[in-house]
């Protein structure tokens, strides 16, 4: 198996779970891109407003995709954010984690868009 050329995503699990069906992979990637945009919006808008419940829901919703797309750099961050938002704990130190999460998701999105473009051609 060829090792992923991406720094942030590893599509092996996605390819394996879809039996390498390109049309399904494309659809899942497109849906995940929409979910990323929604998540980034929630983080950006709701973190300053301290809406912990909405932040917890959004983080919980995106969590399964982290494993499917092999985003290992985000696994512990998402778990930490989910726990902090759910339990309303460590919130004074959560800002830098949110910032890192936003940065990583932008890179993930960039790599998925590159992969989608390569699939279409």
C-alpha atoms as a PDB file:
ATOM      1  CA  UNK A   1       0.000   0.000   0.000  1.00  0.00           C
ATOM      2  CA  UNK A   2       1.335   3.409  -0.962  1.00  0.00           C
ATOM      3  CA  UNK A   3       1.857   5.796   1.956  1.00  0.00           C
ATOM      4  CA  UNK A   4      -0.180   8.980   1.824  1.00  0.00           C
ATOM      5  CA  UNK A   5       1.564  11.990   0.343  1.00  0.00           C
ATOM      6  CA  UNK A   6      -0.475  14.289   2.547  1.00  0.00           C
ATOM      7  CA  UNK A   7       0.706  15.804   5.805  1.00  0.00           C
ATOM      8  CA  UNK A   8      -2.684  16.027   7.537  1.00  0.00           C
ATOM      9  CA  UNK A   9      -4.970  13.371   6.048  1.00  0.00           C
ATOM     10  CA  UNK A  10      -4.563   9.639   5.476  1.00  0.00           C
ATOM     11  CA  UNK A  11      -7.318   8.259   3.275  1.00  0.00           C
ATOM     12  CA  UNK A  12      -6.582   4.551   3.833  1.00  0.00           C
ATOM     13  CA  UNK A  13      -9.540   4.044   6.219  1.00  0.00           C
ATOM     14  CA  UNK A  14     -11.902   5.921   3.908  1.00  0.00           C
ATOM     15  CA  UNK A  15     -10.769   3.910   0.880  1.00  0.00           C
ATOM     16  CA  UNK A  16     -10.993   0.648   2.801  1.00  0.00           C
ATOM     17  CA  UNK A  17     -14.459   1.339   4.201  1.00  0.00           C
ATOM     18  CA  UNK A  18     -15.805   2.330   0.762  1.00  0.00           C
ATOM     19  CA  UNK A  19     -14.062  -0.563  -1.019  1.00  0.00           C
ATOM     20  CA  UNK A  20     -12.170   2.107  -2.966  1.00  0.00           C
ATOM     21  CA  UNK A  21     -15.373   3.203  -4.728  1.00  0.00           C
ATOM     22  CA  UNK A  22     -14.366   6.558  -6.223  1.00  0.00           C
ATOM     23  CA  UNK A  23     -17.907   7.937  -6.470  1.00  0.00           C
ATOM     24  CA  UNK A  24     -18.604   7.175  -2.795  1.00  0.00           C
ATOM     25  CA  UNK A  25     -15.228   8.573  -1.737  1.00  0.00           C
ATOM     26  CA  UNK A  26     -15.931  11.791  -3.641  1.00  0.00           C
ATOM     27  CA  UNK A  27     -19.371  12.134  -2.068  1.00  0.00           C
ATOM     28  CA  UNK A  28     -18.053  11.552   1.459  1.00  0.00           C
ATOM     29  CA  UNK A  29     -15.243  14.060   0.879  1.00  0.00           C
ATOM     30  CA  UNK A  30     -17.673  16.690  -0.364  1.00  0.00           C
ATOM     31  CA  UNK A  31     -19.949  16.137   2.635  1.00  0.00           C
ATOM     32  CA  UNK A  32     -16.987  16.347   4.997  1.00  0.00           C
ATOM     33  CA  UNK A  33     -15.913  19.643   3.417  1.00  0.00           C
ATOM     34  CA  UNK A  34     -19.377  21.043   4.174  1.00  0.00           C
ATOM     35  CA  UNK A  35     -19.140  19.724   7.729  1.00  0.00           C
ATOM     36  CA  UNK A  36     -15.709  21.351   8.153  1.00  0.00           C
ATOM     37  CA  UNK A  37     -17.119  24.702   7.019  1.00  0.00           C
ATOM     38  CA  UNK A  38     -20.030  24.365   9.445  1.00  0.00           C
ATOM     39  CA  UNK A  39     -17.678  23.408  12.261  1.00  0.00           C
ATOM     40  CA  UNK A  40     -15.282  26.283  11.591  1.00  0.00           C
ATOM     41  CA  UNK A  41     -18.236  28.682  11.596  1.00  0.00           C
ATOM     42  CA  UNK A  42     -19.488  27.334  14.935  1.00  0.00           C
ATOM     43  CA  UNK A  43     -16.013  27.524  16.512  1.00  0.00           C
ATOM     44  CA  UNK A  44     -15.415  31.039  15.203  1.00  0.00           C
ATOM     45  CA  UNK A  45     -18.823  32.411  16.170  1.00  0.00           C
ATOM     46  CA  UNK A  46     -19.719  30.482  19.325  1.00  0.00           C
ATOM     47  CA  UNK A  47     -16.401  30.269  21.171  1.00  0.00           C
ATOM     48  CA  UNK A  48     -16.265  34.042  21.803  1.00  0.00           C
ATOM     49  CA  UNK A  49     -19.939  33.849  22.853  1.00  0.00           C
ATOM     50  CA  UNK A  50     -19.148  30.990  25.255  1.00  0.00           C
ATOM     51  CA  UNK A  51     -21.957  28.848  23.879  1.00  0.00           C
ATOM     52  CA  UNK A  52     -20.500  25.636  25.296  1.00  0.00           C
ATOM     53  CA  UNK A  53     -23.478  23.447  24.429  1.00  0.00           C
ATOM     54  CA  UNK A  54     -23.420  24.325  20.712  1.00  0.00           C
ATOM     55  CA  UNK A  55     -19.634  23.961  20.681  1.00  0.00           C
ATOM     56  CA  UNK A  56     -19.911  20.531  22.308  1.00  0.00           C
ATOM     57  CA  UNK A  57     -22.572  19.404  19.806  1.00  0.00           C
ATOM     58  CA  UNK A  58     -20.546  20.552  16.791  1.00  0.00           C
ATOM     59  CA  UNK A  59     -17.342  18.969  18.118  1.00  0.00           C
ATOM     60  CA  UNK A  60     -19.129  15.709  18.881  1.00  0.00           C
ATOM     61  CA  UNK A  61     -20.664  15.691  15.382  1.00  0.00           C
ATOM     62  CA  UNK A  62     -17.336  16.114  13.576  1.00  0.00           C
ATOM     63  CA  UNK A  63     -15.403  13.643  15.765  1.00  0.00           C
ATOM     64  CA  UNK A  64     -16.144  10.410  13.789  1.00  0.00           C
ATOM     65  CA  UNK A  65     -14.787  11.982  10.613  1.00  0.00           C
ATOM     66  CA  UNK A  66     -11.402  12.602  12.225  1.00  0.00           C
ATOM     67  CA  UNK A  67     -10.694   8.859  12.269  1.00  0.00           C
ATOM     68  CA  UNK A  68     -12.245   8.170   8.874  1.00  0.00           C
ATOM     69  CA  UNK A  69      -9.979  10.737   7.235  1.00  0.00           C
ATOM     70  CA  UNK A  70      -6.925   9.706   9.273  1.00  0.00           C
ATOM     71  CA  UNK A  71      -6.427  13.166  10.745  1.00  0.00           C
ATOM     72  CA  UNK A  72      -4.150  11.986  13.534  1.00  0.00           C
ATOM     73  CA  UNK A  73      -2.976  15.502  14.468  1.00  0.00           C
ATOM     74  CA  UNK A  74      -6.568  16.412  15.368  1.00  0.00           C
ATOM     75  CA  UNK A  75      -7.601  13.317  17.346  1.00  0.00           C
ATOM     76  CA  UNK A  76      -6.432  14.439  20.792  1.00  0.00           C
ATOM     77  CA  UNK A  77      -7.431  18.062  20.119  1.00  0.00           C
ATOM     78  CA  UNK A  78     -11.019  17.121  19.246  1.00  0.00           C
ATOM     79  CA  UNK A  79     -11.281  14.849  22.281  1.00  0.00           C
ATOM     80  CA  UNK A  80      -9.947  17.651  24.518  1.00  0.00           C
ATOM     81  CA  UNK A  81     -12.341  20.223  23.054  1.00  0.00           C
ATOM     82  CA  UNK A  82     -15.283  17.853  23.314  1.00  0.00           C
ATOM     83  CA  UNK A  83     -14.518  17.172  26.978  1.00  0.00           C
ATOM     84  CA  UNK A  84     -13.912  20.849  27.816  1.00  0.00           C
ATOM     85  CA  UNK A  85     -17.129  22.004  26.144  1.00  0.00           C
ATOM     86  CA  UNK A  86     -19.249  19.179  27.530  1.00  0.00           C
ATOM     87  CA  UNK A  87     -18.006  19.545  31.113  1.00  0.00           C
ATOM     88  CA  UNK A  88     -17.452  23.320  30.941  1.00  0.00           C
ATOM     89  CA  UNK A  89     -13.922  22.808  32.246  1.00  0.00           C
ATOM     90  CA  UNK A  90     -10.491  24.258  31.388  1.00  0.00           C
ATOM     91  CA  UNK A  91     -12.261  26.905  29.332  1.00  0.00           C
ATOM     92  CA  UNK A  92      -9.740  29.592  30.229  1.00  0.00           C
ATOM     93  CA  UNK A  93      -7.011  27.545  28.477  1.00  0.00           C
ATOM     94  CA  UNK A  94      -9.149  26.334  25.572  1.00  0.00           C
ATOM     95  CA  UNK A  95      -8.547  29.373  23.313  1.00  0.00           C
ATOM     96  CA  UNK A  96      -5.156  28.204  21.985  1.00  0.00           C
ATOM     97  CA  UNK A  97      -6.587  24.714  21.373  1.00  0.00           C
ATOM     98  CA  UNK A  98      -9.452  26.233  19.362  1.00  0.00           C
ATOM     99  CA  UNK A  99      -6.945  28.296  17.360  1.00  0.00           C
ATOM    100  CA  UNK A 100      -4.843  25.200  16.616  1.00  0.00           C
ATOM    101  CA  UNK A 101      -7.988  23.290  15.628  1.00  0.00           C
ATOM    102  CA  UNK A 102      -9.021  26.053  13.200  1.00  0.00           C
ATOM    103  CA  UNK A 103      -5.545  26.065  11.639  1.00  0.00           C
ATOM    104  CA  UNK A 104      -5.398  22.279  11.279  1.00  0.00           C
ATOM    105  CA  UNK A 105      -8.877  22.068   9.749  1.00  0.00           C
ATOM    106  CA  UNK A 106      -7.917  24.669   7.147  1.00  0.00           C
ATOM    107  CA  UNK A 107      -4.964  22.469   6.155  1.00  0.00           C
ATOM    108  CA  UNK A 108      -7.160  19.355   6.141  1.00  0.00           C
ATOM    109  CA  UNK A 109      -9.641  21.142   3.898  1.00  0.00           C
ATOM    110  CA  UNK A 110      -6.850  22.190   1.538  1.00  0.00           C
ATOM    111  CA  UNK A 111      -5.593  18.610   1.232  1.00  0.00           C
ATOM    112  CA  UNK A 112      -9.084  17.182   0.673  1.00  0.00           C
ATOM    113  CA  UNK A 113      -9.677  19.738  -2.087  1.00  0.00           C
ATOM    114  CA  UNK A 114      -6.398  18.689  -3.735  1.00  0.00           C
ATOM    115  CA  UNK A 115      -7.457  15.034  -3.534  1.00  0.00           C
ATOM    116  CA  UNK A 116     -10.910  15.805  -4.935  1.00  0.00           C
ATOM    117  CA  UNK A 117      -9.361  17.673  -7.847  1.00  0.00           C
ATOM    118  CA  UNK A 118      -7.059  14.733  -8.582  1.00  0.00           C
ATOM    119  CA  UNK A 119     -10.059  12.361  -8.558  1.00  0.00           C
ATOM    120  CA  UNK A 120     -12.034  14.495 -10.995  1.00  0.00           C
ATOM    121  CA  UNK A 121      -9.259  14.625 -13.585  1.00  0.00           C
END
